[in-house]
Amino acid sequence: MDHSNVDINRQLSQAGLKSHSELIMFNSMFNWIRDNKETFPSLKRIFKVGGRMKVSDEFDIKDYEGDNVKDKYVFKKPLNSWISPELMLYENRLWSLDISLLDDYLSKIQDMYNSFDGRFDIEHTYYKHLDPAKVELFDDVWVEGIMALYGTFVKD
């Protein structure tokens, strides 16, 4: 895997630009997975779990194996934004994508990165840029952990 972006990611993260850093890391990782598919012949879905989160006891992998999630991103149902009542966001404590969507995701990275304007983070950006027809929404994604901003325990 190409680790040439490690220093840039560290600098972005230390500057508080974690959404930028996350997209760069996904770009590297997803390109590597796409280019090395034979390494993972049974890979069907990729999950992203937030750094302070863990899957809870209620999590069931079978929820991610049905026809309803084939060729789909899976997020918890969107929330209204704190920025403006007409904006929405997908929380990213746990989200996933079907392996068939790697190229779709990679094709959107530059536009997503360019949409960071000081107000929007990756959660707003996913809502704005991912095709709703390719998104399956769950009431709960069954993760738990400490929210960074407030230091409070959450269970989704």
N, C-alpha and C. Protein backbone atom coordinates (compact mmCIF):
# COMPACT_ATOMS: atom_id res chain seq x y z
N MET A 1 0.85 -1.18 0.00
CA MET A 1 0.00 0.00 0.00
C MET A 1 0.89 1.24 0.00
N ASP A 2 0.47 2.25 -0.72
CA ASP A 2 1.22 3.51 -0.81
C ASP A 2 0.99 4.32 0.46
N HIS A 3 2.06 4.60 1.17
CA HIS A 3 1.97 5.39 2.41
C HIS A 3 2.53 6.79 2.22
N SER A 4 2.60 7.26 0.99
CA SER A 4 3.19 8.57 0.72
C SER A 4 2.37 9.72 1.30
N ASN A 5 1.11 9.47 1.63
CA ASN A 5 0.25 10.54 2.18
C ASN A 5 0.26 10.61 3.69
N VAL A 6 1.07 9.79 4.35
CA VAL A 6 1.05 9.73 5.81
C VAL A 6 1.38 11.08 6.42
N ASP A 7 2.43 11.73 5.96
CA ASP A 7 2.80 13.04 6.53
C ASP A 7 1.75 14.10 6.26
N ILE A 8 1.19 14.11 5.06
CA ILE A 8 0.13 15.07 4.74
C ILE A 8 -1.07 14.81 5.64
N ASN A 9 -1.45 13.56 5.82
CA ASN A 9 -2.59 13.24 6.69
C ASN A 9 -2.34 13.69 8.12
N ARG A 10 -1.15 13.47 8.61
CA ARG A 10 -0.82 13.90 9.98
C ARG A 10 -0.95 15.42 10.09
N GLN A 11 -0.42 16.14 9.11
CA GLN A 11 -0.49 17.60 9.14
C GLN A 11 -1.93 18.10 9.07
N LEU A 12 -2.72 17.50 8.18
CA LEU A 12 -4.12 17.90 8.07
C LEU A 12 -4.86 17.64 9.37
N SER A 13 -4.65 16.47 9.95
CA SER A 13 -5.32 16.11 11.19
C SER A 13 -4.92 17.06 12.32
N GLN A 14 -3.63 17.35 12.43
CA GLN A 14 -3.16 18.25 13.49
C GLN A 14 -3.69 19.66 13.30
N ALA A 15 -4.00 20.03 12.05
CA ALA A 15 -4.56 21.35 11.77
C ALA A 15 -6.08 21.37 11.93
N GLY A 16 -6.65 20.27 12.39
CA GLY A 16 -8.09 20.21 12.59
C GLY A 16 -8.87 19.90 11.32
N LEU A 17 -8.18 19.47 10.28
CA LEU A 17 -8.82 19.16 9.00
C LEU A 17 -8.98 17.65 8.85
N LYS A 18 -9.68 17.06 9.79
CA LYS A 18 -9.78 15.60 9.83
C LYS A 18 -10.60 15.05 8.67
N SER A 19 -11.60 15.78 8.20
CA SER A 19 -12.37 15.30 7.05
C SER A 19 -11.49 15.21 5.81
N HIS A 20 -10.63 16.19 5.62
CA HIS A 20 -9.69 16.17 4.49
C HIS A 20 -8.80 14.93 4.59
N SER A 21 -8.25 14.74 5.77
CA SER A 21 -7.35 13.61 6.01
C SER A 21 -8.06 12.28 5.78
N GLU A 22 -9.29 12.18 6.25
CA GLU A 22 -10.03 10.94 6.09
C GLU A 22 -10.24 10.61 4.61
N LEU A 23 -10.59 11.61 3.80
CA LEU A 23 -10.78 11.35 2.38
C LEU A 23 -9.48 10.92 1.70
N ILE A 24 -8.37 11.52 2.06
CA ILE A 24 -7.08 11.13 1.47
C ILE A 24 -6.75 9.70 1.85
N MET A 25 -7.01 9.34 3.10
CA MET A 25 -6.74 7.97 3.54
C MET A 25 -7.65 6.98 2.81
N PHE A 26 -8.93 7.31 2.67
CA PHE A 26 -9.84 6.43 1.93
C PHE A 26 -9.41 6.29 0.48
N ASN A 27 -8.97 7.39 -0.11
CA ASN A 27 -8.50 7.34 -1.49
C ASN A 27 -7.36 6.33 -1.63
N SER A 28 -6.39 6.41 -0.75
CA SER A 28 -5.25 5.48 -0.80
C SER A 28 -5.70 4.04 -0.55
N MET A 29 -6.49 3.86 0.50
CA MET A 29 -6.90 2.51 0.88
C MET A 29 -7.80 1.88 -0.18
N PHE A 30 -8.80 2.62 -0.66
CA PHE A 30 -9.74 2.05 -1.63
C PHE A 30 -9.08 1.79 -2.97
N ASN A 31 -8.15 2.65 -3.39
CA ASN A 31 -7.40 2.38 -4.61
C ASN A 31 -6.59 1.10 -4.46
N TRP A 32 -5.97 0.93 -3.30
CA TRP A 32 -5.17 -0.27 -3.06
C TRP A 32 -6.04 -1.52 -3.07
N ILE A 33 -7.19 -1.46 -2.43
CA ILE A 33 -8.10 -2.61 -2.41
C ILE A 33 -8.56 -2.92 -3.84
N ARG A 34 -8.95 -1.89 -4.57
CA ARG A 34 -9.41 -2.10 -5.96
C ARG A 34 -8.30 -2.74 -6.80
N ASP A 35 -7.08 -2.28 -6.63
CA ASP A 35 -5.96 -2.78 -7.43
C ASP A 35 -5.47 -4.14 -6.97
N ASN A 36 -5.91 -4.61 -5.81
CA ASN A 36 -5.47 -5.89 -5.26
C ASN A 36 -6.65 -6.78 -4.88
N LYS A 37 -7.70 -6.74 -5.68
CA LYS A 37 -8.92 -7.50 -5.37
C LYS A 37 -8.66 -8.98 -5.16
N GLU A 38 -7.69 -9.52 -5.88
CA GLU A 38 -7.42 -10.95 -5.75
C GLU A 38 -6.94 -11.32 -4.35
N THR A 39 -6.44 -10.33 -3.59
CA THR A 39 -6.01 -10.57 -2.22
C THR A 39 -7.20 -10.83 -1.31
N PHE A 40 -8.36 -10.32 -1.69
CA PHE A 40 -9.58 -10.42 -0.88
C PHE A 40 -10.71 -11.02 -1.71
N PRO A 41 -10.60 -12.27 -2.14
CA PRO A 41 -11.61 -12.81 -3.05
C PRO A 41 -13.02 -12.87 -2.47
N SER A 42 -13.16 -12.94 -1.17
CA SER A 42 -14.50 -13.04 -0.58
C SER A 42 -15.01 -11.69 -0.03
N LEU A 43 -14.27 -10.62 -0.24
CA LEU A 43 -14.67 -9.31 0.27
C LEU A 43 -15.91 -8.82 -0.45
N LYS A 44 -16.96 -8.53 0.33
CA LYS A 44 -18.21 -8.05 -0.24
C LYS A 44 -18.58 -6.65 0.23
N ARG A 45 -18.11 -6.28 1.42
CA ARG A 45 -18.49 -5.00 2.02
C ARG A 45 -17.34 -4.48 2.84
N ILE A 46 -17.16 -3.16 2.81
CA ILE A 46 -16.13 -2.49 3.61
C ILE A 46 -16.84 -1.62 4.64
N PHE A 47 -16.41 -1.72 5.88
CA PHE A 47 -17.00 -0.95 6.98
C PHE A 47 -16.01 0.09 7.46
N LYS A 48 -16.55 1.24 7.83
CA LYS A 48 -15.76 2.27 8.52
C LYS A 48 -16.42 2.46 9.88
N VAL A 49 -15.64 2.26 10.94
CA VAL A 49 -16.12 2.46 12.31
C VAL A 49 -15.32 3.61 12.89
N GLY A 50 -15.99 4.58 13.51
CA GLY A 50 -15.32 5.71 14.12
C GLY A 50 -14.28 5.30 15.14
N GLY A 51 -13.26 6.11 15.30
CA GLY A 51 -12.12 5.79 16.15
C GLY A 51 -12.44 5.56 17.62
N ARG A 52 -13.46 6.18 18.14
CA ARG A 52 -13.83 5.99 19.54
C ARG A 52 -15.06 5.11 19.68
N MET A 53 -15.40 4.41 18.60
CA MET A 53 -16.60 3.57 18.58
C MET A 53 -16.21 2.10 18.51
N LYS A 54 -17.16 1.26 18.92
CA LYS A 54 -17.06 -0.18 18.72
C LYS A 54 -18.46 -0.67 18.39
N VAL A 55 -18.53 -1.80 17.70
CA VAL A 55 -19.86 -2.35 17.43
C VAL A 55 -20.44 -2.83 18.75
N SER A 56 -21.73 -2.63 18.90
CA SER A 56 -22.41 -3.02 20.14
C SER A 56 -22.91 -4.46 20.02
N ASP A 57 -23.41 -4.99 21.11
CA ASP A 57 -23.91 -6.36 21.14
C ASP A 57 -25.07 -6.56 20.16
N GLU A 58 -25.80 -5.50 19.85
CA GLU A 58 -26.96 -5.61 18.96
C GLU A 58 -26.56 -5.70 17.48
N PHE A 59 -25.33 -5.36 17.16
CA PHE A 59 -24.86 -5.40 15.77
C PHE A 59 -25.01 -6.82 15.23
N ASP A 60 -25.56 -6.93 14.01
CA ASP A 60 -25.72 -8.23 13.37
C ASP A 60 -25.24 -8.11 11.93
N ILE A 61 -24.18 -8.79 11.60
CA ILE A 61 -23.60 -8.73 10.26
C ILE A 61 -24.61 -9.15 9.19
N LYS A 62 -25.57 -9.97 9.57
CA LYS A 62 -26.58 -10.42 8.61
C LYS A 62 -27.41 -9.26 8.06
N ASP A 63 -27.50 -8.16 8.82
CA ASP A 63 -28.21 -6.98 8.34
C ASP A 63 -27.55 -6.40 7.09
N TYR A 64 -26.30 -6.75 6.87
CA TYR A 64 -25.51 -6.21 5.76
C TYR A 64 -25.30 -7.24 4.64
N GLU A 65 -26.07 -8.30 4.67
CA GLU A 65 -25.90 -9.36 3.67
C GLU A 65 -27.10 -9.53 2.75
N GLY A 66 -28.17 -8.78 2.96
CA GLY A 66 -29.39 -8.94 2.17
C GLY A 66 -29.36 -8.20 0.84
N ASP A 67 -30.34 -8.49 0.03
CA ASP A 67 -30.47 -7.82 -1.27
C ASP A 67 -30.66 -6.32 -1.13
N ASN A 68 -31.25 -5.89 0.00
CA ASN A 68 -31.51 -4.46 0.20
C ASN A 68 -30.22 -3.63 0.31
N VAL A 69 -29.10 -4.27 0.63
CA VAL A 69 -27.83 -3.53 0.77
C VAL A 69 -26.85 -3.85 -0.36
N LYS A 70 -27.25 -4.75 -1.29
CA LYS A 70 -26.39 -5.06 -2.44
C LYS A 70 -26.21 -3.81 -3.29
N ASP A 71 -24.97 -3.50 -3.62
CA ASP A 71 -24.64 -2.32 -4.44
C ASP A 71 -25.08 -1.02 -3.76
N LYS A 72 -25.00 -0.99 -2.42
CA LYS A 72 -25.43 0.20 -1.67
C LYS A 72 -24.40 0.61 -0.63
N TYR A 73 -24.42 1.90 -0.33
CA TYR A 73 -23.80 2.43 0.87
C TYR A 73 -24.83 2.24 1.98
N VAL A 74 -24.38 2.05 3.21
CA VAL A 74 -25.31 1.96 4.34
C VAL A 74 -24.90 3.00 5.38
N PHE A 75 -25.85 3.83 5.73
CA PHE A 75 -25.68 4.84 6.78
C PHE A 75 -26.88 4.78 7.71
N LYS A 76 -26.70 5.33 8.89
CA LYS A 76 -27.85 5.60 9.75
C LYS A 76 -28.67 6.70 9.08
N LYS A 77 -29.97 6.72 9.33
CA LYS A 77 -30.84 7.74 8.72
C LYS A 77 -30.25 9.13 8.96
N PRO A 78 -30.36 10.02 7.96
CA PRO A 78 -29.72 11.34 8.08
C PRO A 78 -30.36 12.21 9.15
N LEU A 79 -29.56 13.17 9.59
CA LEU A 79 -29.99 14.14 10.59
C LEU A 79 -30.00 15.53 9.97
N ASN A 80 -30.81 16.40 10.57
CA ASN A 80 -30.73 17.81 10.20
C ASN A 80 -29.41 18.37 10.70
N SER A 81 -28.82 19.25 9.93
CA SER A 81 -27.54 19.84 10.28
C SER A 81 -27.69 20.92 11.36
N TRP A 82 -26.63 21.09 12.12
CA TRP A 82 -26.57 22.18 13.08
C TRP A 82 -26.19 23.48 12.38
N ILE A 83 -25.73 23.39 11.13
CA ILE A 83 -25.32 24.57 10.38
C ILE A 83 -26.53 25.36 9.89
N SER A 84 -27.49 24.63 9.35
CA SER A 84 -28.68 25.25 8.77
C SER A 84 -29.79 24.20 8.74
N PRO A 85 -31.03 24.60 9.02
CA PRO A 85 -32.12 23.62 9.07
C PRO A 85 -32.40 22.94 7.73
N GLU A 86 -32.00 23.56 6.62
CA GLU A 86 -32.27 22.92 5.32
C GLU A 86 -31.17 21.96 4.89
N LEU A 87 -30.09 21.85 5.65
CA LEU A 87 -29.01 20.92 5.33
C LEU A 87 -29.17 19.62 6.12
N MET A 88 -28.69 18.53 5.52
CA MET A 88 -28.74 17.22 6.16
C MET A 88 -27.33 16.63 6.19
N LEU A 89 -27.18 15.60 7.03
CA LEU A 89 -25.88 14.92 7.11
C LEU A 89 -26.09 13.46 7.45
N TYR A 90 -25.10 12.65 7.06
CA TYR A 90 -25.04 11.25 7.48
C TYR A 90 -23.99 11.14 8.57
N GLU A 91 -24.39 10.69 9.75
CA GLU A 91 -23.40 10.41 10.78
C GLU A 91 -22.49 9.30 10.29
N ASN A 92 -21.22 9.39 10.65
CA ASN A 92 -20.30 8.38 10.15
C ASN A 92 -19.63 7.59 11.27
N ARG A 93 -20.37 7.36 12.34
CA ARG A 93 -19.83 6.50 13.41
C ARG A 93 -19.64 5.08 12.91
N LEU A 94 -20.56 4.64 12.06
CA LEU A 94 -20.40 3.38 11.33
C LEU A 94 -21.14 3.54 10.01
N TRP A 95 -20.42 3.31 8.94
CA TRP A 95 -21.05 3.26 7.63
C TRP A 95 -20.30 2.21 6.82
N SER A 96 -20.90 1.81 5.71
CA SER A 96 -20.27 0.78 4.90
C SER A 96 -20.64 0.96 3.44
N LEU A 97 -19.88 0.27 2.59
CA LEU A 97 -20.19 0.26 1.18
C LEU A 97 -19.97 -1.13 0.61
N ASP A 98 -20.82 -1.49 -0.32
CA ASP A 98 -20.65 -2.72 -1.06
C ASP A 98 -19.38 -2.58 -1.89
N ILE A 99 -18.63 -3.65 -2.02
CA ILE A 99 -17.37 -3.62 -2.75
C ILE A 99 -17.57 -3.14 -4.19
N SER A 100 -18.77 -3.34 -4.74
CA SER A 100 -19.06 -2.91 -6.11
C SER A 100 -19.06 -1.39 -6.24
N LEU A 101 -19.08 -0.67 -5.12
CA LEU A 101 -19.13 0.79 -5.16
C LEU A 101 -17.76 1.47 -5.02
N LEU A 102 -16.69 0.70 -5.01
CA LEU A 102 -15.36 1.32 -4.88
C LEU A 102 -15.12 2.38 -5.93
N ASP A 103 -15.37 2.06 -7.20
CA ASP A 103 -15.13 3.05 -8.26
C ASP A 103 -16.07 4.25 -8.13
N ASP A 104 -17.30 4.00 -7.73
CA ASP A 104 -18.25 5.09 -7.52
C ASP A 104 -17.72 6.05 -6.45
N TYR A 105 -17.29 5.49 -5.32
CA TYR A 105 -16.76 6.31 -4.23
C TYR A 105 -15.51 7.07 -4.70
N LEU A 106 -14.59 6.36 -5.32
CA LEU A 106 -13.34 7.00 -5.76
C LEU A 106 -13.60 8.11 -6.78
N SER A 107 -14.62 7.96 -7.60
CA SER A 107 -14.93 9.00 -8.60
C SER A 107 -15.45 10.28 -7.96
N LYS A 108 -15.88 10.20 -6.72
CA LYS A 108 -16.46 11.37 -6.03
C LYS A 108 -15.48 12.07 -5.09
N ILE A 109 -14.34 11.47 -4.84
CA ILE A 109 -13.43 12.00 -3.82
C ILE A 109 -13.00 13.44 -4.10
N GLN A 110 -12.62 13.75 -5.32
CA GLN A 110 -12.16 15.11 -5.61
C GLN A 110 -13.26 16.14 -5.37
N ASP A 111 -14.47 15.85 -5.82
CA ASP A 111 -15.59 16.77 -5.59
C ASP A 111 -15.90 16.90 -4.10
N MET A 112 -15.84 15.78 -3.38
CA MET A 112 -16.09 15.84 -1.94
C MET A 112 -15.01 16.69 -1.26
N TYR A 113 -13.77 16.45 -1.62
CA TYR A 113 -12.65 17.21 -1.02
C TYR A 113 -12.82 18.70 -1.30
N ASN A 114 -13.18 19.03 -2.53
CA ASN A 114 -13.34 20.44 -2.90
C ASN A 114 -14.53 21.11 -2.22
N SER A 115 -15.47 20.32 -1.72
CA SER A 115 -16.65 20.92 -1.07
C SER A 115 -16.39 21.33 0.38
N PHE A 116 -15.25 20.93 0.93
CA PHE A 116 -14.89 21.37 2.28
C PHE A 116 -14.54 22.85 2.21
N ASP A 117 -15.38 23.68 2.80
CA ASP A 117 -15.17 25.13 2.71
C ASP A 117 -15.09 25.79 4.08
N GLY A 118 -14.76 25.01 5.08
CA GLY A 118 -14.70 25.58 6.43
C GLY A 118 -15.98 25.34 7.21
N ARG A 119 -17.08 25.09 6.52
CA ARG A 119 -18.34 24.81 7.20
C ARG A 119 -18.68 23.34 7.14
N PHE A 120 -18.43 22.72 5.99
CA PHE A 120 -18.88 21.35 5.78
C PHE A 120 -17.81 20.34 6.15
N ASP A 121 -18.24 19.31 6.84
CA ASP A 121 -17.35 18.20 7.18
C ASP A 121 -17.73 17.00 6.33
N ILE A 122 -17.11 15.89 6.59
CA ILE A 122 -17.34 14.70 5.77
C ILE A 122 -18.78 14.20 5.88
N GLU A 123 -19.41 14.40 7.03
CA GLU A 123 -20.79 13.93 7.21
C GLU A 123 -21.75 14.69 6.30
N HIS A 124 -21.59 16.01 6.19
CA HIS A 124 -22.41 16.80 5.27
C HIS A 124 -22.06 16.45 3.82
N THR A 125 -20.79 16.23 3.58
CA THR A 125 -20.31 15.97 2.23
C THR A 125 -20.86 14.66 1.69
N TYR A 126 -20.90 13.62 2.52
CA TYR A 126 -21.47 12.35 2.07
C TYR A 126 -22.93 12.55 1.67
N TYR A 127 -23.68 13.27 2.48
CA TYR A 127 -25.09 13.49 2.16
C TYR A 127 -25.23 14.23 0.84
N LYS A 128 -24.37 15.18 0.60
CA LYS A 128 -24.44 16.01 -0.61
C LYS A 128 -24.02 15.24 -1.86
N HIS A 129 -23.01 14.39 -1.76
CA HIS A 129 -22.40 13.81 -2.95
C HIS A 129 -22.77 12.36 -3.27
N LEU A 130 -23.24 11.61 -2.31
CA LEU A 130 -23.58 10.21 -2.60
C LEU A 130 -25.00 10.14 -3.16
N ASP A 131 -25.15 9.40 -4.23
CA ASP A 131 -26.44 9.24 -4.90
C ASP A 131 -27.43 8.57 -3.96
N PRO A 132 -28.53 9.23 -3.61
CA PRO A 132 -29.49 8.64 -2.68
C PRO A 132 -30.04 7.29 -3.14
N ALA A 133 -30.05 7.04 -4.44
CA ALA A 133 -30.52 5.76 -4.95
C ALA A 133 -29.56 4.63 -4.60
N LYS A 134 -28.33 4.99 -4.24
CA LYS A 134 -27.32 4.00 -3.87
C LYS A 134 -27.09 3.94 -2.36
N VAL A 135 -27.99 4.53 -1.60
CA VAL A 135 -27.84 4.57 -0.14
C VAL A 135 -29.01 3.85 0.52
N GLU A 136 -28.68 2.91 1.39
CA GLU A 136 -29.68 2.24 2.23
C GLU A 136 -29.56 2.83 3.63
N LEU A 137 -30.69 3.20 4.21
CA LEU A 137 -30.69 3.85 5.51
C LEU A 137 -31.22 2.91 6.58
N PHE A 138 -30.50 2.85 7.69
CA PHE A 138 -30.90 2.04 8.84
C PHE A 138 -31.33 2.97 9.97
N ASP A 139 -32.29 2.52 10.77
CA ASP A 139 -32.67 3.26 11.97
C ASP A 139 -31.51 3.29 12.97
N ASP A 140 -30.83 2.17 13.10
CA ASP A 140 -29.69 2.05 14.01
C ASP A 140 -28.59 1.27 13.30
N VAL A 141 -27.36 1.62 13.57
CA VAL A 141 -26.23 0.88 13.00
C VAL A 141 -25.49 0.09 14.07
N TRP A 142 -25.86 0.28 15.31
CA TRP A 142 -25.38 -0.51 16.45
C TRP A 142 -23.89 -0.37 16.70
N VAL A 143 -23.52 0.87 17.00
CA VAL A 143 -22.19 1.15 17.53
C VAL A 143 -22.36 1.93 18.83
N GLU A 144 -21.30 1.92 19.62
CA GLU A 144 -21.33 2.67 20.87
C GLU A 144 -19.93 3.18 21.16
N GLY A 145 -19.88 4.28 21.89
CA GLY A 145 -18.60 4.83 22.26
C GLY A 145 -18.73 6.26 22.76
N ILE A 146 -17.60 6.92 22.84
CA ILE A 146 -17.54 8.28 23.36
C ILE A 146 -17.53 9.28 22.21
N MET A 147 -18.44 10.24 22.26
CA MET A 147 -18.46 11.32 21.27
C MET A 147 -17.33 12.28 21.56
N ALA A 148 -16.55 12.59 20.56
CA ALA A 148 -15.37 13.44 20.74
C ALA A 148 -15.73 14.84 21.26
N LEU A 149 -16.73 15.44 20.66
CA LEU A 149 -17.05 16.83 20.96
C LEU A 149 -17.44 17.05 22.42
N TYR A 150 -18.28 16.14 22.95
CA TYR A 150 -18.80 16.35 24.30
C TYR A 150 -18.26 15.35 25.33
N GLY A 151 -17.62 14.31 24.88
CA GLY A 151 -17.12 13.30 25.79
C GLY A 151 -18.21 12.46 26.41
N THR A 152 -19.37 12.41 25.75
CA THR A 152 -20.48 11.64 26.28
C THR A 152 -20.61 10.30 25.55
N PHE A 153 -21.17 9.33 26.25
CA PHE A 153 -21.39 8.01 25.68
C PHE A 153 -22.59 8.06 24.75
N VAL A 154 -22.45 7.46 23.57
CA VAL A 154 -23.56 7.35 22.62
C VAL A 154 -23.70 5.91 22.17
N LYS A 155 -24.93 5.57 21.82
CA LYS A 155 -25.22 4.25 21.24
C LYS A 155 -26.19 4.48 20.10
N ASP A 156 -25.75 4.13 18.90
CA ASP A 156 -26.57 4.32 17.69
C ASP A 156 -26.94 3.00 17.07
